[in-house]
Protein backbone atom coordinates (compact mmCIF):
# COMPACT_ATOMS: atom_id res chain seq x y z
CA MET A 1 16.92 -0.52 19.01
CA GLY A 2 13.19 -1.29 19.23
CA ARG A 3 13.54 -4.50 17.20
CA LYS A 4 16.41 -5.74 19.37
CA LEU A 5 14.31 -5.16 22.49
CA ILE A 6 11.32 -7.00 21.01
CA PHE A 7 13.54 -9.86 19.80
CA SER A 8 15.26 -10.13 23.20
CA SER A 9 11.91 -10.12 24.99
CA LEU A 10 10.62 -12.84 22.66
CA ILE A 11 13.67 -15.05 23.28
CA ILE A 12 13.40 -14.59 27.06
CA GLY A 13 9.67 -15.40 26.93
CA ILE A 14 10.22 -18.61 24.94
CA ALA A 15 13.07 -19.71 27.20
CA THR A 16 10.98 -19.07 30.32
CA SER A 17 8.05 -21.08 28.97
CA PHE A 18 10.34 -24.07 28.30
CA LEU A 19 11.79 -23.85 31.79
CA THR A 20 8.38 -23.78 33.49
CA CYS A 21 6.82 -26.65 31.52
CA LYS A 22 6.26 -29.69 33.70
CA GLN A 23 7.64 -33.00 32.52
CA PRO A 24 5.64 -36.23 33.07
CA ILE A 25 8.01 -37.31 35.85
CA ASP A 26 7.13 -34.11 37.76
CA PHE A 27 3.63 -35.50 38.42
CA LEU A 28 4.95 -38.58 40.26
CA PRO A 29 5.29 -38.71 44.04
CA SER A 30 8.76 -38.15 45.47
CA ALA A 31 10.98 -41.17 46.13
CA THR A 32 10.81 -41.23 49.94
CA GLN A 33 11.54 -43.84 52.64
CA THR A 34 9.13 -42.91 55.42
CA GLY A 35 6.12 -45.17 54.77
CA GLN A 36 3.89 -42.55 53.13
CA ASN A 37 1.97 -45.20 51.11
CA THR A 38 2.79 -43.58 47.78
CA LEU A 39 3.54 -45.17 44.44
CA GLY A 40 3.84 -43.87 40.90
CA PHE A 41 5.56 -44.55 37.58
CA LEU A 42 5.48 -43.72 33.90
CA VAL A 43 3.72 -46.06 31.45
CA ASP A 44 5.19 -45.45 28.02
CA GLY A 45 6.09 -41.95 29.21
CA LYS A 46 2.70 -41.08 30.77
CA PRO A 47 2.24 -40.66 34.54
CA TYR A 48 0.48 -43.42 36.47
CA ILE A 49 -0.65 -42.55 39.98
CA PRO A 50 -2.99 -45.05 41.70
CA GLN A 51 -6.41 -43.70 42.63
CA GLY A 52 -9.76 -45.10 43.62
CA THR A 53 -10.71 -48.62 44.55
CA SER A 54 -11.41 -51.92 42.89
CA GLY A 55 -13.06 -55.22 43.65
CA LEU A 56 -16.63 -56.46 43.82
CA PHE A 57 -17.46 -54.20 46.76
CA ASN A 58 -14.81 -51.53 46.01
CA ASN A 59 -12.94 -52.80 49.06
CA ASN A 60 -9.45 -52.82 47.51
CA ARG A 61 -7.49 -49.65 48.20
CA ALA A 62 -5.59 -47.88 45.42
CA ILE A 63 -2.28 -49.32 46.72
CA ILE A 64 -1.87 -52.57 48.60
CA GLY A 65 1.54 -53.88 49.52
CA GLY A 66 4.47 -54.37 51.77
CA LEU A 67 6.46 -57.16 53.37
CA TYR A 68 4.52 -60.34 54.03
CA GLY A 69 5.48 -63.46 55.94
CA ARG A 70 5.48 -67.07 54.83
CA SER A 71 6.82 -70.19 56.44
CA ASN A 72 9.98 -69.83 54.34
CA GLY A 73 10.55 -66.12 55.07
CA LEU A 74 9.38 -62.68 54.03
CA TYR A 75 8.44 -61.58 50.55
CA LEU A 76 7.68 -58.20 49.00
CA GLN A 77 4.57 -57.59 46.94
CA PHE A 78 2.60 -54.53 45.92
CA SER A 79 -0.40 -53.98 43.67
CA THR A 80 -2.35 -50.97 42.46
CA TYR A 81 -5.90 -50.38 41.29
CA GLY A 82 -6.96 -47.58 38.99
CA SER A 83 -4.92 -44.53 38.04
CA THR A 84 -5.06 -40.93 36.92
CA ASP A 85 -5.74 -41.72 33.26
CA ASN A 86 -6.90 -45.33 32.96
CA ASN A 87 -8.04 -48.34 34.91
CA GLY A 88 -4.69 -50.10 34.77
CA SER A 89 -3.06 -52.02 37.57
CA ILE A 90 0.39 -53.36 38.32
CA THR A 91 1.61 -56.16 40.59
CA VAL A 92 5.24 -56.69 41.56
CA HIS A 93 6.33 -59.77 43.54
CA LEU A 94 9.80 -60.53 44.94
CA GLU A 95 10.84 -63.47 47.07
CA ASP A 96 14.38 -63.79 48.40
CA TYR A 97 14.74 -60.03 48.02
CA LYS A 98 17.70 -58.01 49.24
CA LEU A 99 18.46 -54.33 49.70
CA GLY A 100 19.79 -52.94 46.44
CA MET A 101 19.10 -54.20 42.93
CA ASN A 102 16.76 -57.17 42.47
CA PRO A 103 16.27 -58.52 38.93
CA VAL A 104 12.74 -59.26 37.78
CA ASN A 105 13.16 -61.72 34.92
CA ASN A 106 11.62 -64.97 36.09
CA GLY A 107 10.66 -67.33 33.28
CA ASP A 108 7.87 -66.98 30.77
CA LEU A 109 4.69 -65.87 32.46
CA THR A 110 1.05 -65.62 31.68
CA LYS A 111 -1.66 -64.60 34.11
CA GLY A 112 -2.56 -68.24 34.72
CA ASN A 113 0.88 -69.42 35.84
CA LEU A 114 2.10 -66.79 38.31
CA ILE A 115 1.78 -69.11 41.32
CA GLY A 116 5.14 -70.40 42.49
CA ARG A 117 7.16 -67.75 40.64
CA LYS A 118 9.72 -65.96 42.79
CA TYR A 119 10.14 -62.73 40.81
CA PHE A 120 7.57 -61.21 38.50
CA ALA A 121 5.74 -58.08 37.47
CA TYR A 122 2.60 -57.71 35.43
CA TYR A 123 0.62 -54.76 34.23
CA GLY A 124 -2.98 -54.92 33.10
CA ARG A 125 -5.19 -52.38 31.37
CA GLY A 126 -8.63 -53.36 30.15
CA ASN A 127 -8.32 -56.83 28.61
CA SER A 128 -4.58 -56.49 27.92
CA PHE A 129 -1.99 -58.03 30.26
CA TYR A 130 1.77 -57.56 30.06
CA TYR A 131 4.37 -59.66 31.91
CA THR A 132 8.07 -59.80 32.69
CA SER A 133 9.84 -62.89 31.40
CA SER A 134 13.29 -64.14 30.50
CA ALA A 135 13.09 -61.93 27.38
CA TYR A 136 11.30 -58.90 28.92
CA LYS A 137 13.03 -57.91 32.12
CA GLY A 138 13.20 -55.29 34.79
CA TRP A 139 14.48 -54.54 38.25
CA VAL A 140 13.49 -53.30 41.69
CA ASN A 141 16.05 -51.27 43.63
CA LEU A 142 15.00 -51.85 47.23
CA THR A 143 16.24 -48.92 49.32
CA LYS A 144 14.49 -49.79 52.61
CA ALA A 145 12.89 -52.98 53.94
CA ASP A 146 12.11 -52.75 57.66
CA SER A 147 10.08 -55.72 58.91
CA ILE A 148 9.62 -54.06 62.34
CA SER A 149 8.07 -50.79 61.13
CA GLY A 150 6.56 -52.35 57.99
CA ILE A 151 8.15 -49.73 55.72
CA VAL A 152 9.41 -50.84 52.32
CA SER A 153 10.66 -48.36 49.73
CA GLY A 154 12.44 -48.36 46.41
CA THR A 155 12.44 -47.70 42.70
CA PHE A 156 11.69 -49.90 39.68
CA GLU A 157 11.63 -50.21 35.89
CA PHE A 158 10.35 -52.95 33.57
CA VAL A 159 9.72 -53.77 29.96
CA LEU A 160 6.72 -56.09 29.83
CA ALA A 161 5.09 -57.88 26.89
CA ASP A 162 1.74 -59.47 26.14
CA THR A 163 1.38 -62.87 24.48
CA THR A 164 1.66 -61.29 21.00
CA GLY A 165 4.94 -59.51 21.82
CA LYS A 166 3.46 -56.02 22.17
CA THR A 167 5.47 -54.22 24.87
CA VAL A 168 4.85 -51.63 27.56
CA SER A 169 7.64 -49.69 29.28
CA ILE A 170 7.30 -48.93 32.98
CA THR A 171 9.93 -46.34 33.96
CA ASP A 172 10.81 -44.03 36.84
CA GLY A 173 8.78 -46.15 39.27
CA ARG A 174 8.96 -45.38 42.96
CA PHE A 175 7.16 -46.75 46.02
CA ASP A 176 7.12 -45.96 49.73
CA LEU A 177 4.76 -48.35 51.52
CA ASN A 178 3.85 -49.26 55.06
CA ALA A 179 1.59 -52.31 55.26
CA ARG A 180 0.77 -51.48 58.89
CA THR A 181 -0.90 -48.15 57.98
CA GLN A 182 -2.73 -48.99 54.72
């Protein structure tokens, strides 16, 4: 009887510890649509949450982004600076966007030839830069884009590669931005 009780208690204890363990996705902000200026994603399974500032005078906020106007219409772009575990940054750019799924697979990119591209994402950490391309693709699922309130929200995932073919997986991405309150 005593051994059964000890064994049962051990099984219950192990099961409880597995149930209470946080997964990496649990550290990310919720996927909301209220303009909370939050953004997060997993980089190769590790949480990335923007923190701090960047720039010569530390004048860049942790998250910059929203809907921006041009003579030929609005475009969506967001960038981050710094994170919980490294100094990485990500930039996502979409022209001719629509609510719902937007592919990010625009040509072969390098940091020097991003100008004029309609859809791209790149991720940088230290001296390493990874890009979407026709071979390394992703998507942005735009769930809200309100040009009046400035709120833009959605989810995203990408596989990006550097010039040697080394890849980085960005998964479970979510953003809820309001350019008017950043």
